[in-house]
Amino acid sequence: MRGYLALFRVRFTTSLQYRAAALGGIATQFAWGFMEILAFLAFYQVNSAAFPMEFSQVVTYIWMQQAFLALFMVWFYENEILTAIQTGAIAYELTRPLDLYNLWFCSSVANRLAKALLRSMPILVVAFLVPPPLRMSLPPNGTHLVLFLISTILALGVVVAFNMLVYISTFYTLSPLGGRIIAAMLADFLAGSILPLPFFPAGFRVVAELLPFAAMQNMPLRIYSGHMNATAAVQGIWLQLFWLVTLVGLGKISMKYALQKVVVQGG
């Protein structure tokens, strides 16, 4: 455990150095957030009663999504891991007295947390200061805030565990491009990144809410915005826990079999 904590600290500290990249990302996320909110506003002004979420909930959902994009975006991959697999540099990592799955998982979590720390505060400050109806709201009560924090931790774990499967698949495909594109497209759509899941057709939404993608950003953002009551939030958290355990277990088994057959080419 001490080795993983040391790795986490080093990776977290290193990722905090990229402040210029964070500033560029913040500007992009502000523009995207305002664009999304204004697009929804145009529809809500026509008939707000036709939508499954209140407009204030949608606004809060979008701002929280942008603030914590680094935690929830599936399409943010660790290029160092993919490069190590493709070039054979993974041989050096296999010499470490640490479990490779845990090593990569820990590194990914640290990197995402550091990036989220750099980007979230400026976005949240502005989101609370802009005039209504574009202003972000606080959660309904303290219970929702606690449930949101628990759900966010689990969502981060599910996202990283899902990405681990993409990394492991590279042992077999050698090129990660196809798997990355397919995984990102599925996750963006089914996790509520493009459109919150409540806006999906009823039959399709029921199925989508049972998939692992619904255990990503969908759950914490809907809890914080107040769209889910406490009972539904607790049920959602249990679903997140199920998918986290399932994906981690599947990843560890897949990693075990992949490493048994891995061959490093070259001298």
Foldseek 3Di string as FASTA:
>chain_A
DVVLVVLLVVLLVVLLVPLVVLVVLLVVLVVVLVVVLVVVVVVCVVPVVVALDHSLLVLQLSLVCSLLVLLFQLLDADVVLLVCLLQVVCVVVVPDPDDPLSNQLSSSLSNSVNSSVSRNPVSLVVLCVDDPPNHHDFAPDPLLVVLLVLLSVLQSLLSSLVSLVLSLCCLVVSDSVVVSVVVNVCLCVLLQVVHALSRDPPVVSVVSCLDSSVSHSNLSSCSGSHVDDNVVSVVSSVSSVVSSVVSNVVSVVSNVVSVVPGDRDDD
